[in-house]
Amino acid sequence: AKNNSSRVITGISTYNVTPFEAGAYFNKIQCFCFDEQTLNPGEELDMPVFFYIDPEFALDATLVKLACADVSLHYTFFDTEEPKKMFVEFARDLKSYFKGDAQSPASLHCS
């Protein structure tokens, strides 16, 4: 993974296995996705994952019908700071609302 931005990014990864039916046979032993990862601007980092595919995979009738010989593993990295910022903004707006300083929490308004 490489942080191409000019800011520090902290995030967490989620994974997806395709075909979907193969996911039942995919077993992670160790994964970078178990913990938040922080990358500095321009930093490049190897993010290993150790896994195995249960041999029963080859006997699954659905996968045999699909002529499935390949399993793909995809990761999506989500910035965990953005939701925190949104929560802080919402909490500030809500506090203002309950103090009577605002008619409704501004962060609830759709734009």
N, C-alpha and C. Protein backbone atom coordinates (compact mmCIF):
# COMPACT_ATOMS: atom_id res chain seq x y z
N ALA A 1 0.85 -1.17 0.00
CA ALA A 1 0.00 0.00 0.00
C ALA A 1 0.89 1.23 0.00
N LYS A 2 0.39 2.28 -0.63
CA LYS A 2 1.14 3.53 -0.65
C LYS A 2 0.19 4.69 -0.39
N ASN A 3 0.63 5.58 0.48
CA ASN A 3 -0.13 6.79 0.77
C ASN A 3 0.34 7.86 -0.21
N ASN A 4 -0.47 8.12 -1.23
CA ASN A 4 -0.13 9.11 -2.24
C ASN A 4 -0.54 10.53 -1.85
N SER A 5 -1.14 10.67 -0.67
CA SER A 5 -1.62 11.98 -0.25
C SER A 5 -0.50 12.74 0.48
N SER A 6 -0.82 13.97 0.85
CA SER A 6 0.14 14.80 1.59
C SER A 6 -0.16 14.82 3.08
N ARG A 7 -1.02 13.92 3.54
CA ARG A 7 -1.36 13.87 4.97
C ARG A 7 -1.23 12.45 5.51
N VAL A 8 -1.10 12.36 6.82
CA VAL A 8 -1.07 11.06 7.48
C VAL A 8 -2.46 10.45 7.38
N ILE A 9 -2.53 9.18 7.01
CA ILE A 9 -3.81 8.50 6.90
C ILE A 9 -3.82 7.28 7.82
N THR A 10 -4.86 7.18 8.63
CA THR A 10 -5.07 6.02 9.48
C THR A 10 -6.37 5.39 9.04
N GLY A 11 -6.34 4.08 8.86
CA GLY A 11 -7.54 3.42 8.39
C GLY A 11 -7.56 1.94 8.71
N ILE A 12 -8.62 1.32 8.29
CA ILE A 12 -8.83 -0.11 8.49
C ILE A 12 -9.27 -0.69 7.15
N SER A 13 -8.94 -1.93 6.93
CA SER A 13 -9.30 -2.58 5.66
C SER A 13 -10.36 -3.64 5.87
N THR A 14 -11.19 -3.78 4.87
CA THR A 14 -12.14 -4.89 4.84
C THR A 14 -11.83 -5.68 3.58
N TYR A 15 -12.22 -6.94 3.57
CA TYR A 15 -11.89 -7.76 2.42
C TYR A 15 -13.14 -8.36 1.79
N ASN A 16 -12.96 -8.79 0.56
CA ASN A 16 -14.02 -9.43 -0.19
C ASN A 16 -13.39 -10.57 -0.99
N VAL A 17 -14.05 -11.71 -1.03
CA VAL A 17 -13.58 -12.85 -1.79
C VAL A 17 -14.56 -13.09 -2.93
N THR A 18 -14.02 -13.29 -4.13
CA THR A 18 -14.88 -13.65 -5.26
C THR A 18 -14.33 -14.90 -5.91
N PRO A 19 -15.17 -15.78 -6.37
CA PRO A 19 -16.63 -15.66 -6.32
C PRO A 19 -17.13 -15.75 -4.88
N PHE A 20 -18.29 -15.15 -4.66
CA PHE A 20 -18.87 -15.07 -3.32
C PHE A 20 -18.91 -16.43 -2.63
N GLU A 21 -19.27 -17.47 -3.37
CA GLU A 21 -19.41 -18.82 -2.80
C GLU A 21 -18.09 -19.36 -2.25
N ALA A 22 -16.98 -18.87 -2.75
CA ALA A 22 -15.67 -19.33 -2.28
C ALA A 22 -15.32 -18.77 -0.91
N GLY A 23 -16.00 -17.71 -0.51
CA GLY A 23 -15.72 -17.07 0.78
C GLY A 23 -15.84 -18.01 1.96
N ALA A 24 -16.71 -18.99 1.87
CA ALA A 24 -16.88 -19.96 2.98
C ALA A 24 -15.64 -20.82 3.17
N TYR A 25 -14.79 -20.89 2.17
CA TYR A 25 -13.59 -21.73 2.23
C TYR A 25 -12.32 -20.93 2.49
N PHE A 26 -12.46 -19.63 2.58
CA PHE A 26 -11.32 -18.74 2.77
C PHE A 26 -11.10 -18.53 4.26
N ASN A 27 -9.90 -18.82 4.75
CA ASN A 27 -9.59 -18.71 6.17
C ASN A 27 -8.35 -17.85 6.37
N LYS A 28 -8.55 -16.68 7.02
CA LYS A 28 -7.42 -15.80 7.33
C LYS A 28 -6.80 -16.26 8.64
N ILE A 29 -5.48 -16.35 8.65
CA ILE A 29 -4.74 -16.71 9.86
C ILE A 29 -4.17 -15.44 10.51
N GLN A 30 -3.57 -14.61 9.68
CA GLN A 30 -3.01 -13.35 10.15
C GLN A 30 -3.22 -12.32 9.05
N CYS A 31 -3.62 -11.12 9.44
CA CYS A 31 -3.93 -10.12 8.42
C CYS A 31 -3.70 -8.71 8.95
N PHE A 32 -3.16 -7.86 8.09
CA PHE A 32 -3.01 -6.45 8.43
C PHE A 32 -4.36 -5.83 8.72
N CYS A 33 -5.43 -6.42 8.19
CA CYS A 33 -6.77 -5.85 8.32
C CYS A 33 -7.35 -6.03 9.72
N PHE A 34 -6.67 -6.78 10.58
CA PHE A 34 -7.17 -6.96 11.94
C PHE A 34 -6.98 -5.69 12.78
N ASP A 35 -6.08 -4.81 12.36
CA ASP A 35 -5.75 -3.61 13.13
C ASP A 35 -5.75 -2.37 12.23
N GLU A 36 -5.92 -1.21 12.86
CA GLU A 36 -5.78 0.04 12.12
C GLU A 36 -4.34 0.16 11.63
N GLN A 37 -4.17 0.74 10.46
CA GLN A 37 -2.86 0.98 9.89
C GLN A 37 -2.69 2.47 9.68
N THR A 38 -1.49 2.98 9.94
CA THR A 38 -1.19 4.38 9.72
C THR A 38 -0.06 4.50 8.72
N LEU A 39 -0.29 5.32 7.70
CA LEU A 39 0.73 5.57 6.68
C LEU A 39 1.00 7.07 6.61
N ASN A 40 2.27 7.43 6.67
CA ASN A 40 2.68 8.82 6.53
C ASN A 40 2.63 9.23 5.06
N PRO A 41 2.63 10.53 4.78
CA PRO A 41 2.61 10.97 3.39
C PRO A 41 3.74 10.32 2.58
N GLY A 42 3.39 9.72 1.45
CA GLY A 42 4.39 9.10 0.59
C GLY A 42 4.90 7.74 1.06
N GLU A 43 4.48 7.30 2.24
CA GLU A 43 4.98 6.03 2.77
C GLU A 43 4.40 4.85 2.00
N GLU A 44 5.25 3.88 1.74
CA GLU A 44 4.84 2.64 1.09
C GLU A 44 5.09 1.51 2.07
N LEU A 45 4.13 0.61 2.19
CA LEU A 45 4.18 -0.41 3.23
C LEU A 45 3.65 -1.73 2.69
N ASP A 46 4.38 -2.81 2.97
CA ASP A 46 3.86 -4.14 2.66
C ASP A 46 2.85 -4.50 3.74
N MET A 47 1.72 -5.00 3.33
CA MET A 47 0.67 -5.38 4.27
C MET A 47 0.32 -6.85 4.02
N PRO A 48 1.01 -7.74 4.74
CA PRO A 48 0.84 -9.17 4.48
C PRO A 48 -0.45 -9.76 5.05
N VAL A 49 -0.89 -10.81 4.39
CA VAL A 49 -2.02 -11.59 4.87
C VAL A 49 -1.64 -13.06 4.69
N PHE A 50 -1.88 -13.85 5.73
CA PHE A 50 -1.65 -15.29 5.68
C PHE A 50 -3.00 -15.97 5.71
N PHE A 51 -3.24 -16.83 4.74
CA PHE A 51 -4.54 -17.48 4.64
C PHE A 51 -4.39 -18.85 4.00
N TYR A 52 -5.45 -19.61 4.09
CA TYR A 52 -5.50 -20.86 3.33
C TYR A 52 -6.92 -21.05 2.83
N ILE A 53 -7.03 -21.81 1.76
CA ILE A 53 -8.34 -22.15 1.21
C ILE A 53 -8.59 -23.62 1.52
N ASP A 54 -9.67 -23.87 2.22
CA ASP A 54 -10.04 -25.23 2.61
C ASP A 54 -10.10 -26.12 1.37
N PRO A 55 -9.46 -27.30 1.41
CA PRO A 55 -9.48 -28.21 0.26
C PRO A 55 -10.89 -28.63 -0.17
N GLU A 56 -11.86 -28.53 0.72
CA GLU A 56 -13.25 -28.86 0.36
C GLU A 56 -13.77 -27.94 -0.75
N PHE A 57 -13.09 -26.82 -0.94
CA PHE A 57 -13.41 -25.88 -2.02
C PHE A 57 -13.56 -26.61 -3.36
N ALA A 58 -12.66 -27.55 -3.62
CA ALA A 58 -12.64 -28.26 -4.90
C ALA A 58 -13.82 -29.20 -5.07
N LEU A 59 -14.52 -29.50 -3.97
CA LEU A 59 -15.64 -30.44 -4.03
C LEU A 59 -17.00 -29.76 -3.99
N ASP A 60 -17.02 -28.44 -3.86
CA ASP A 60 -18.27 -27.69 -3.77
C ASP A 60 -18.98 -27.71 -5.12
N ALA A 61 -20.18 -28.29 -5.16
CA ALA A 61 -20.92 -28.46 -6.41
C ALA A 61 -21.21 -27.12 -7.10
N THR A 62 -21.51 -26.10 -6.32
CA THR A 62 -21.79 -24.78 -6.90
C THR A 62 -20.57 -24.23 -7.61
N LEU A 63 -19.42 -24.36 -6.97
CA LEU A 63 -18.18 -23.85 -7.56
C LEU A 63 -17.76 -24.69 -8.76
N VAL A 64 -18.02 -25.99 -8.71
CA VAL A 64 -17.72 -26.86 -9.85
C VAL A 64 -18.57 -26.44 -11.04
N LYS A 65 -19.87 -26.15 -10.79
CA LYS A 65 -20.77 -25.69 -11.86
C LYS A 65 -20.28 -24.39 -12.48
N LEU A 66 -19.73 -23.53 -11.64
CA LEU A 66 -19.21 -22.24 -12.12
C LEU A 66 -17.88 -22.40 -12.85
N ALA A 67 -17.34 -23.63 -12.82
CA ALA A 67 -16.01 -23.90 -13.39
C ALA A 67 -14.99 -22.95 -12.75
N CYS A 68 -15.12 -22.81 -11.44
CA CYS A 68 -14.29 -21.86 -10.70
C CYS A 68 -12.92 -22.46 -10.41
N ALA A 69 -11.91 -21.91 -11.04
CA ALA A 69 -10.54 -22.34 -10.78
C ALA A 69 -9.76 -21.25 -10.05
N ASP A 70 -10.32 -20.04 -10.02
CA ASP A 70 -9.64 -18.90 -9.41
C ASP A 70 -10.46 -18.30 -8.29
N VAL A 71 -9.76 -17.85 -7.28
CA VAL A 71 -10.36 -17.10 -6.18
C VAL A 71 -9.62 -15.79 -6.10
N SER A 72 -10.35 -14.69 -6.03
CA SER A 72 -9.73 -13.37 -5.93
C SER A 72 -10.02 -12.79 -4.55
N LEU A 73 -9.00 -12.18 -3.99
CA LEU A 73 -9.10 -11.52 -2.70
C LEU A 73 -8.87 -10.03 -2.93
N HIS A 74 -9.83 -9.21 -2.50
CA HIS A 74 -9.77 -7.76 -2.69
C HIS A 74 -9.86 -7.08 -1.33
N TYR A 75 -9.12 -6.01 -1.17
CA TYR A 75 -9.18 -5.22 0.06
C TYR A 75 -9.59 -3.79 -0.27
N THR A 76 -10.37 -3.21 0.62
CA THR A 76 -10.72 -1.79 0.53
C THR A 76 -10.27 -1.14 1.82
N PHE A 77 -9.52 -0.05 1.70
CA PHE A 77 -8.98 0.67 2.83
C PHE A 77 -9.88 1.86 3.13
N PHE A 78 -10.38 1.94 4.34
CA PHE A 78 -11.27 3.04 4.75
C PHE A 78 -10.55 3.94 5.74
N ASP A 79 -10.57 5.21 5.47
CA ASP A 79 -9.99 6.21 6.36
C ASP A 79 -10.84 6.29 7.62
N THR A 80 -10.26 5.99 8.77
CA THR A 80 -11.04 6.01 10.01
C THR A 80 -11.11 7.39 10.65
N GLU A 81 -10.33 8.33 10.15
CA GLU A 81 -10.35 9.68 10.72
C GLU A 81 -11.57 10.46 10.25
N GLU A 82 -12.00 10.26 9.01
CA GLU A 82 -13.14 11.02 8.48
C GLU A 82 -14.42 10.78 9.30
N PRO A 83 -14.78 9.51 9.59
CA PRO A 83 -15.98 9.31 10.43
C PRO A 83 -15.84 9.95 11.81
N LYS A 84 -14.62 9.94 12.38
CA LYS A 84 -14.41 10.56 13.68
C LYS A 84 -14.67 12.06 13.59
N LYS A 85 -14.18 12.69 12.51
CA LYS A 85 -14.41 14.13 12.32
C LYS A 85 -15.90 14.43 12.19
N MET A 86 -16.60 13.58 11.44
CA MET A 86 -18.05 13.78 11.27
C MET A 86 -18.77 13.64 12.61
N PHE A 87 -18.35 12.68 13.43
CA PHE A 87 -18.97 12.47 14.73
C PHE A 87 -18.72 13.67 15.63
N VAL A 88 -17.49 14.19 15.63
CA VAL A 88 -17.15 15.36 16.46
C VAL A 88 -18.01 16.55 16.03
N GLU A 89 -18.16 16.74 14.72
CA GLU A 89 -18.99 17.84 14.21
C GLU A 89 -20.45 17.65 14.63
N PHE A 90 -20.95 16.45 14.51
CA PHE A 90 -22.33 16.16 14.88
C PHE A 90 -22.54 16.41 16.38
N ALA A 91 -21.59 15.94 17.21
CA ALA A 91 -21.70 16.13 18.66
C ALA A 91 -21.70 17.62 19.01
N ARG A 92 -20.86 18.40 18.32
CA ARG A 92 -20.82 19.85 18.57
C ARG A 92 -22.16 20.48 18.20
N ASP A 93 -22.70 20.10 17.03
CA ASP A 93 -23.97 20.65 16.58
C ASP A 93 -25.11 20.26 17.52
N LEU A 94 -25.09 19.04 17.97
CA LEU A 94 -26.14 18.55 18.87
C LEU A 94 -26.09 19.30 20.21
N LYS A 95 -24.88 19.51 20.70
CA LYS A 95 -24.71 20.26 21.96
C LYS A 95 -25.27 21.68 21.80
N SER A 96 -24.97 22.30 20.67
CA SER A 96 -25.47 23.65 20.38
C SER A 96 -27.00 23.66 20.33
N TYR A 97 -27.57 22.64 19.71
CA TYR A 97 -29.03 22.51 19.61
C TYR A 97 -29.66 22.41 20.99
N PHE A 98 -29.11 21.55 21.84
CA PHE A 98 -29.70 21.36 23.17
C PHE A 98 -29.49 22.57 24.09
N LYS A 99 -28.47 23.35 23.82
CA LYS A 99 -28.26 24.57 24.59
C LYS A 99 -29.20 25.67 24.12
N GLY A 100 -29.89 25.45 22.99
CA GLY A 100 -30.81 26.45 22.46
C GLY A 100 -30.16 27.43 21.51
N ASP A 101 -28.90 27.17 21.13
CA ASP A 101 -28.19 28.07 20.23
C ASP A 101 -28.50 27.82 18.76
N ALA A 102 -29.19 26.72 18.46
CA ALA A 102 -29.52 26.39 17.06
C ALA A 102 -30.89 25.75 17.02
N GLN A 103 -31.61 25.95 15.91
CA GLN A 103 -32.94 25.37 15.78
C GLN A 103 -32.90 23.87 15.51
N SER A 104 -31.86 23.41 14.83
CA SER A 104 -31.66 21.97 14.60
C SER A 104 -30.17 21.74 14.36
N PRO A 105 -29.69 20.52 14.63
CA PRO A 105 -28.27 20.23 14.40
C PRO A 105 -27.93 20.40 12.92
N ALA A 106 -26.98 21.27 12.63
CA ALA A 106 -26.61 21.58 11.24
C ALA A 106 -26.11 20.36 10.49
N SER A 107 -25.42 19.45 11.17
CA SER A 107 -24.84 18.30 10.48
C SER A 107 -25.90 17.29 10.05
N LEU A 108 -27.15 17.49 10.47
CA LEU A 108 -28.24 16.60 10.04
C LEU A 108 -28.86 17.07 8.73
N HIS A 109 -28.57 18.29 8.32
CA HIS A 109 -29.16 18.83 7.10
C HIS A 109 -28.48 18.24 5.89
N CYS A 110 -29.27 17.83 4.93
CA CYS A 110 -28.73 17.30 3.67
C CYS A 110 -28.44 18.48 2.75
N SER A 111 -27.34 18.36 2.00
CA SER A 111 -27.04 19.45 1.06
C SER A 111 -27.08 18.96 -0.35
